Amino acid sequence: MKVAFLQRGGADAVRPLVWRDVASSRRLRALITNDDGIDSPGLWALAAVARDAGLDVTVAAPHVDASGVGGSVLAVREAGRVRLHPRELPGLDGVPAYAVEGHPAFITHAASRGWMDPGPDVVLSGANVGANVGRAVLHSGTVGAALTAGLHGMRALAVSLDCPWEPVDAPHWETLAHVVPAVLDLLLAAEDGTVLNLNVPDREPAALRELREARLARFGAVRVRIDHRSGDDGEALHMGEAELTGPPEPGTDIALLADGHPTLTRLATIAEHPGVLPVTAVASGT
């Protein structure tokens, strides 16, 4: 299926963002996806920020919550087809939007493999409910979509708001508009395939500290404990969350985020690491 990309015109048109390889005669095409699903306010907020920055936006997100699926390209297939459900999203009049019966990385993969023709120039994934920090970002569907975009040579940004999974108060989605545009400038000036991971504190814009580049913590902010239990209805694995104890390691994304800094980390996709065999074995062909 091909998507017709809509462009705004008239006196209120936004000046297009451009970079060195894109002609100034068109606006950049942005795919907005996530892993929390099409009905997440974080998705709507990120799409609005991208639209207001001048990007030509299309939203495509899982039809249900797909958190924790990493880079999975699983989709619900019926006779070789994956169903799309056109949607109208709050505050995004005129923006094409689809609920897709597939995981976030599948959506990115499909967009770059013919579904969207021409394909996206940039992929924005999020904004996630809860931070994606540490090396545990490997498991994030939000990050998985961005890394898949990088594999296809697209620039990509994963965005997360550091709010609880079940927030007591309304998350500060409006804070994204005060952080994301500057990071977009960095991303669009970077080389093809660049993937950035942005985490934003869940606080009012006036309470934010400066944006900081951060290294990944050794794991993540939350760990899952899994217990094997038996009952009248059979055996099952029960999962619970346990926050890490002790102070976070200084300079990591977890520590800086806790101090009120939005954090930015460039992520590397999967690659080989030569040197597993001794040099003599390689030279002799054994």
Protein backbone atom coordinates (compact mmCIF):
# COMPACT_ATOMS: atom_id res chain seq x y z
CA MET A 1 0.00 0.00 0.00
CA LYS A 2 1.23 3.48 -0.83
CA VAL A 3 0.57 6.48 1.36
CA ALA A 4 -0.13 9.93 -0.07
CA PHE A 5 1.90 12.42 1.95
CA LEU A 6 -0.01 15.63 2.68
CA GLN A 7 1.73 18.99 2.72
CA ARG A 8 0.49 22.15 4.38
CA GLY A 9 0.49 25.36 2.43
CA GLY A 10 -0.70 28.93 2.76
CA ALA A 11 0.42 31.76 4.96
CA ASP A 12 0.88 29.56 8.04
CA ALA A 13 3.14 27.03 6.31
CA VAL A 14 6.20 26.04 8.33
CA ARG A 15 9.62 26.55 6.80
CA PRO A 16 10.91 23.11 5.80
CA LEU A 17 13.84 21.47 7.50
CA VAL A 18 16.54 20.48 5.02
CA TRP A 19 19.95 18.85 5.08
CA ARG A 20 22.75 18.47 2.60
CA ASP A 21 21.30 15.60 0.55
CA VAL A 22 17.70 16.82 0.30
CA ALA A 23 16.46 19.42 -2.16
CA SER A 24 14.87 22.46 -0.52
CA SER A 25 11.81 22.07 -2.79
CA ARG A 26 10.21 19.52 -0.45
CA ARG A 27 9.76 18.90 3.22
CA LEU A 28 11.39 15.95 4.93
CA ARG A 29 9.20 12.87 5.33
CA ALA A 30 8.97 11.55 8.88
CA LEU A 31 7.54 8.26 10.08
CA ILE A 32 6.30 8.45 13.67
CA THR A 33 5.92 5.11 15.45
CA ASN A 34 6.13 3.69 18.97
CA ASP A 35 5.67 0.53 21.01
CA ASP A 36 2.91 1.72 23.36
CA GLY A 37 0.39 1.61 20.55
CA ILE A 38 -1.64 3.96 18.39
CA ASP A 39 -3.72 5.23 21.33
CA SER A 40 -0.77 6.51 23.36
CA PRO A 41 -0.77 10.29 24.09
CA GLY A 42 3.02 10.15 23.88
CA LEU A 43 2.78 9.15 20.22
CA TRP A 44 0.40 12.00 19.51
CA ALA A 45 2.67 14.48 21.31
CA LEU A 46 5.77 13.44 19.37
CA ALA A 47 3.89 13.56 16.06
CA ALA A 48 2.71 17.09 16.87
CA VAL A 49 6.25 18.22 17.67
CA ALA A 50 7.50 16.76 14.37
CA ARG A 51 4.69 18.42 12.42
CA ASP A 52 5.30 21.78 14.08
CA ALA A 53 9.02 21.47 13.27
CA GLY A 54 8.10 21.38 9.58
CA LEU A 55 8.35 17.66 8.91
CA ASP A 56 5.88 15.93 6.58
CA VAL A 57 4.45 13.45 9.08
CA THR A 58 2.86 10.04 8.76
CA VAL A 59 1.97 8.09 11.90
CA ALA A 60 2.03 4.29 11.91
CA ALA A 61 2.00 2.45 15.22
CA PRO A 62 0.99 -0.97 16.59
CA HIS A 63 -2.74 -1.50 17.00
CA VAL A 64 -2.11 -2.76 20.55
CA ASP A 65 0.62 -2.28 23.14
CA ALA A 66 3.85 -3.86 21.91
CA SER A 67 6.20 -2.84 24.72
CA GLY A 68 9.32 -4.92 25.20
CA VAL A 69 9.43 -6.49 21.75
CA GLY A 70 12.87 -5.09 20.86
CA GLY A 71 13.68 -5.43 17.19
CA SER A 72 11.02 -8.03 16.46
CA VAL A 73 9.49 -7.83 12.98
CA LEU A 74 6.55 -10.02 13.93
CA ALA A 75 3.19 -9.12 12.40
CA VAL A 76 -0.26 -10.68 12.23
CA ARG A 77 -0.38 -12.16 8.75
CA GLU A 78 -3.52 -13.36 7.01
CA ALA A 79 -2.90 -14.88 3.57
CA GLY A 80 0.31 -12.86 3.27
CA ARG A 81 -1.34 -9.62 4.32
CA VAL A 82 -0.88 -7.38 7.38
CA ARG A 83 -3.94 -5.33 8.17
CA LEU A 84 -3.88 -1.52 8.43
CA HIS A 85 -6.55 0.51 10.18
CA PRO A 86 -6.71 4.20 9.18
CA ARG A 87 -7.14 6.46 12.21
CA GLU A 88 -7.79 10.09 13.03
CA LEU A 89 -5.68 11.16 16.00
CA PRO A 90 -6.39 13.97 18.49
CA GLY A 91 -4.70 17.26 17.57
CA LEU A 92 -3.33 15.85 14.31
CA ASP A 93 -5.88 16.95 11.73
CA GLY A 94 -4.77 16.10 8.20
CA VAL A 95 -1.95 13.81 9.36
CA PRO A 96 -2.20 10.29 7.86
CA ALA A 97 -2.29 7.74 10.66
CA TYR A 98 -2.52 3.94 10.75
CA ALA A 99 -2.88 1.28 13.39
CA VAL A 100 -0.77 -1.61 12.13
CA GLU A 101 -1.14 -5.23 13.21
CA GLY A 102 2.62 -5.58 13.63
CA HIS A 103 5.51 -4.68 15.90
CA PRO A 104 7.32 -1.32 15.73
CA ALA A 105 10.41 -2.66 13.93
CA PHE A 106 8.14 -4.34 11.39
CA ILE A 107 6.51 -0.97 10.73
CA THR A 108 9.88 0.69 10.16
CA HIS A 109 11.00 -2.20 7.98
CA ALA A 110 7.80 -2.11 5.91
CA ALA A 111 8.01 1.65 5.44
CA SER A 112 11.50 1.34 3.99
CA ARG A 113 10.73 -1.72 1.84
CA GLY A 114 7.99 -0.36 -0.39
CA TRP A 115 4.94 0.38 1.76
CA MET A 116 5.72 4.09 1.80
CA ASP A 117 6.98 5.14 -1.61
CA PRO A 118 8.96 7.30 -1.35
CA GLY A 119 10.07 6.12 2.06
CA PRO A 120 10.72 8.19 5.17
CA ASP A 121 13.77 10.42 5.46
CA VAL A 122 13.73 10.10 9.23
CA VAL A 123 12.03 7.86 11.82
CA LEU A 124 10.92 9.18 15.21
CA SER A 125 9.92 6.50 17.70
CA GLY A 126 7.99 7.33 20.87
CA ALA A 127 7.38 9.14 22.95
CA ASN A 128 7.59 6.16 25.26
CA VAL A 129 5.80 5.95 28.59
CA GLY A 130 8.82 5.54 30.85
CA ALA A 131 12.54 5.99 30.28
CA ASN A 132 14.59 3.78 27.98
CA VAL A 133 17.97 3.79 29.64
CA GLY A 134 21.00 1.58 30.10
CA ARG A 135 21.92 -1.44 28.03
CA ALA A 136 18.41 -2.75 28.63
CA VAL A 137 17.31 -0.58 25.68
CA LEU A 138 18.03 -3.78 23.74
CA HIS A 139 14.56 -4.96 24.80
CA SER A 140 12.68 -1.77 23.95
CA GLY A 141 10.31 -1.79 21.00
CA THR A 142 10.71 1.99 20.83
CA VAL A 143 14.47 1.68 20.44
CA GLY A 144 14.10 -1.42 18.23
CA ALA A 145 12.16 0.60 15.67
CA ALA A 146 14.87 3.27 15.63
CA LEU A 147 17.71 0.76 15.29
CA THR A 148 15.89 -0.96 12.45
CA ALA A 149 15.64 2.39 10.69
CA GLY A 150 19.39 2.77 11.11
CA LEU A 151 19.94 -0.63 9.50
CA HIS A 152 18.05 0.72 6.47
CA GLY A 153 20.28 3.80 6.33
CA MET A 154 17.72 6.21 7.80
CA ARG A 155 18.36 8.67 10.58
CA ALA A 156 16.28 7.82 13.63
CA LEU A 157 15.45 9.14 17.08
CA ALA A 158 13.94 7.19 19.98
CA VAL A 159 12.19 9.45 22.50
CA SER A 160 11.06 8.54 26.02
CA LEU A 161 9.51 10.48 28.91
CA ASP A 162 10.73 9.42 32.36
CA CYS A 163 7.29 8.89 33.89
CA PRO A 164 5.95 5.83 35.74
CA TRP A 165 4.19 3.16 33.73
CA GLU A 166 1.10 3.98 35.77
CA PRO A 167 1.58 7.72 36.43
CA VAL A 168 -0.26 9.30 39.36
CA ASP A 169 -0.29 12.71 37.66
CA ALA A 170 -0.63 13.54 33.97
CA PRO A 171 2.76 13.15 32.24
CA HIS A 172 4.38 16.37 30.99
CA TRP A 173 4.13 15.55 27.30
CA GLU A 174 4.33 19.27 26.53
CA THR A 175 7.96 19.26 27.67
CA LEU A 176 8.92 17.34 24.52
CA ALA A 177 8.42 20.49 22.44
CA HIS A 178 11.19 22.18 24.44
CA VAL A 179 13.77 19.44 23.85
CA VAL A 180 13.06 17.47 20.67
CA PRO A 181 13.50 20.26 18.04
CA ALA A 182 17.13 20.94 19.04
CA VAL A 183 17.88 17.20 18.97
CA LEU A 184 16.26 16.96 15.53
CA ASP A 185 18.73 19.57 14.31
CA LEU A 186 21.60 17.40 15.55
CA LEU A 187 20.13 14.28 14.00
CA LEU A 188 19.50 15.80 10.58
CA ALA A 189 23.06 17.14 10.46
CA ALA A 190 24.48 13.67 11.20
CA GLU A 191 25.42 10.96 8.74
CA ASP A 192 22.99 8.47 7.24
CA GLY A 193 22.01 5.66 9.59
CA THR A 194 22.57 7.69 12.77
CA VAL A 195 20.40 6.52 15.70
CA LEU A 196 19.95 8.66 18.80
CA ASN A 197 18.22 7.84 22.08
CA LEU A 198 16.65 10.76 23.95
CA ASN A 199 15.23 10.57 27.47
CA VAL A 200 13.33 13.55 28.89
CA PRO A 201 12.57 14.12 32.59
CA ASP A 202 8.88 14.18 33.45
CA ARG A 203 8.75 17.74 34.70
CA GLU A 204 7.67 21.18 33.57
CA PRO A 205 9.93 22.81 30.95
CA ALA A 206 11.10 25.48 33.41
CA ALA A 207 12.41 22.76 35.72
CA LEU A 208 14.59 21.08 33.09
CA ARG A 209 18.36 21.24 33.30
CA GLU A 210 20.59 21.34 30.22
CA LEU A 211 20.71 18.53 27.66
CA ARG A 212 23.61 16.15 28.37
CA GLU A 213 25.23 13.41 26.35
CA ALA A 214 25.21 10.24 28.42
CA ARG A 215 26.72 6.80 28.36
CA LEU A 216 24.49 3.81 28.90
CA ALA A 217 24.17 2.40 32.39
CA ARG A 218 25.15 -1.25 32.75
CA PHE A 219 21.55 -2.42 32.71
CA GLY A 220 18.42 -0.31 33.19
CA ALA A 221 16.42 1.58 35.79
CA VAL A 222 14.09 -1.33 36.48
CA ARG A 223 14.70 -5.06 36.59
CA VAL A 224 12.13 -7.80 36.25
CA ARG A 225 11.95 -10.69 38.70
CA ILE A 226 10.32 -13.87 37.42
CA ASP A 227 9.02 -16.54 39.78
CA HIS A 228 7.80 -20.04 38.93
CA ARG A 229 4.57 -20.69 40.80
CA SER A 230 2.12 -23.55 40.92
CA GLY A 231 -1.59 -23.26 41.64
CA ASP A 232 -4.97 -24.82 41.07
CA ASP A 233 -4.98 -23.49 37.50
CA GLY A 234 -1.56 -24.93 36.67
CA GLU A 235 2.00 -23.66 36.58
CA ALA A 236 2.99 -20.19 35.45
CA LEU A 237 5.77 -17.66 35.44
CA HIS A 238 4.89 -14.55 37.46
CA MET A 239 6.68 -11.33 36.63
CA GLY A 240 7.23 -8.38 38.94
CA GLU A 241 9.28 -5.21 38.79
CA ALA A 242 11.96 -4.20 41.24
CA GLU A 243 13.67 -0.85 41.07
CA LEU A 244 17.43 -0.90 41.47
CA THR A 245 18.81 -0.06 44.90
CA GLY A 246 21.73 2.23 45.54
CA PRO A 247 22.81 5.36 43.68
CA PRO A 248 23.23 5.18 39.89
CA GLU A 249 26.72 5.28 38.42
CA PRO A 250 27.75 8.92 37.80
CA GLY A 251 27.71 10.06 34.19
CA THR A 252 25.25 7.40 33.04
CA ASP A 253 21.90 8.12 31.47
CA ILE A 254 20.11 6.96 34.64
CA ALA A 255 22.10 9.31 36.89
CA LEU A 256 21.81 12.36 34.66
CA LEU A 257 18.10 11.82 34.07
CA ALA A 258 17.50 11.58 37.82
CA ASP A 259 19.27 14.93 38.21
CA GLY A 260 16.84 16.59 35.81
CA HIS A 261 18.90 16.48 32.61
CA PRO A 262 17.45 15.33 29.31
CA THR A 263 19.96 12.74 28.10
CA LEU A 264 21.13 11.93 24.60
CA THR A 265 23.03 8.82 23.53
CA ARG A 266 24.08 7.70 20.09
CA LEU A 267 23.36 4.00 19.66
CA ALA A 268 25.22 1.55 17.43
CA THR A 269 23.33 -1.16 15.67
CA ILE A 270 24.55 -4.75 15.53
CA ALA A 271 27.96 -5.24 13.92
CA GLU A 272 30.72 -7.81 13.76
CA HIS A 273 33.72 -7.72 16.11
CA PRO A 274 36.67 -9.41 14.38
CA GLY A 275 39.40 -11.28 16.23
CA VAL A 276 37.59 -14.32 17.61
CA LEU A 277 40.09 -16.69 15.93
CA PRO A 278 43.87 -16.50 16.37
CA VAL A 279 45.64 -14.69 13.55
CA THR A 280 47.63 -17.85 12.68
CA ALA A 281 44.45 -19.88 12.20
CA VAL A 282 42.97 -17.27 9.90
CA ALA A 283 46.16 -17.01 7.86
CA SER A 284 46.46 -20.76 7.39
CA GLY A 285 42.79 -21.22 6.52
CA THR A 286 42.22 -23.76 9.31
